[in-house]
Amino acid sequence: MSLDHFLAAFGGVGGAVAVLGIIVKILPGTVQRFADSVFDHVDPTRLKKDSPLASHFERTDELADRQARIIATLTELQVDAISNTILGLAHMAGDQSMQIAEQVTKLEKLDQNSWALAFAQQYIADHATTAGETHTDTREEQP
């Protein structure tokens, strides 16, 4: 079926555009999915170096690298802030096990094994045994 037959079946270009408009209204993510599928099939290495599409892919790669570095930096800042909070809580008077356990949960969510995590777990274990309680670690052992 050629493009001419397709357009004729829908009453010309206007009818085809109307049908496509209805499809887009019914399925709102259609245009984005179509654009994604088109770009998924583009091989950036086969594009001309000075083409606009090649520069788009180059900028996209640069932005992805920048984003990864920013996320790594923010994660490091979060780990440092949580580690400092754990140290501050450990040096306060009294038993701060509950607050330190909350900070340990935050570190575990970030999937970070740092010295602060080991320190906090040791603090919790020490204070749980001194208070006559037994603290059980519910986390899974990591290989």
Foldseek 3Di string as FASTA:
>chain_A
DDPVVVQVVQPHPVSVVVVVVVVCVVPVCVVVVVVVVVVVPDDLVPDDCPDPVNVVVVVVVVVVVVVVVVVVVVLVVLVVVLLVVLVVQLPDPDQPLVVLVVSLVVCVVSVDDDPSNVVSVVSNQVVCVVVVHHDDDPDDDDD
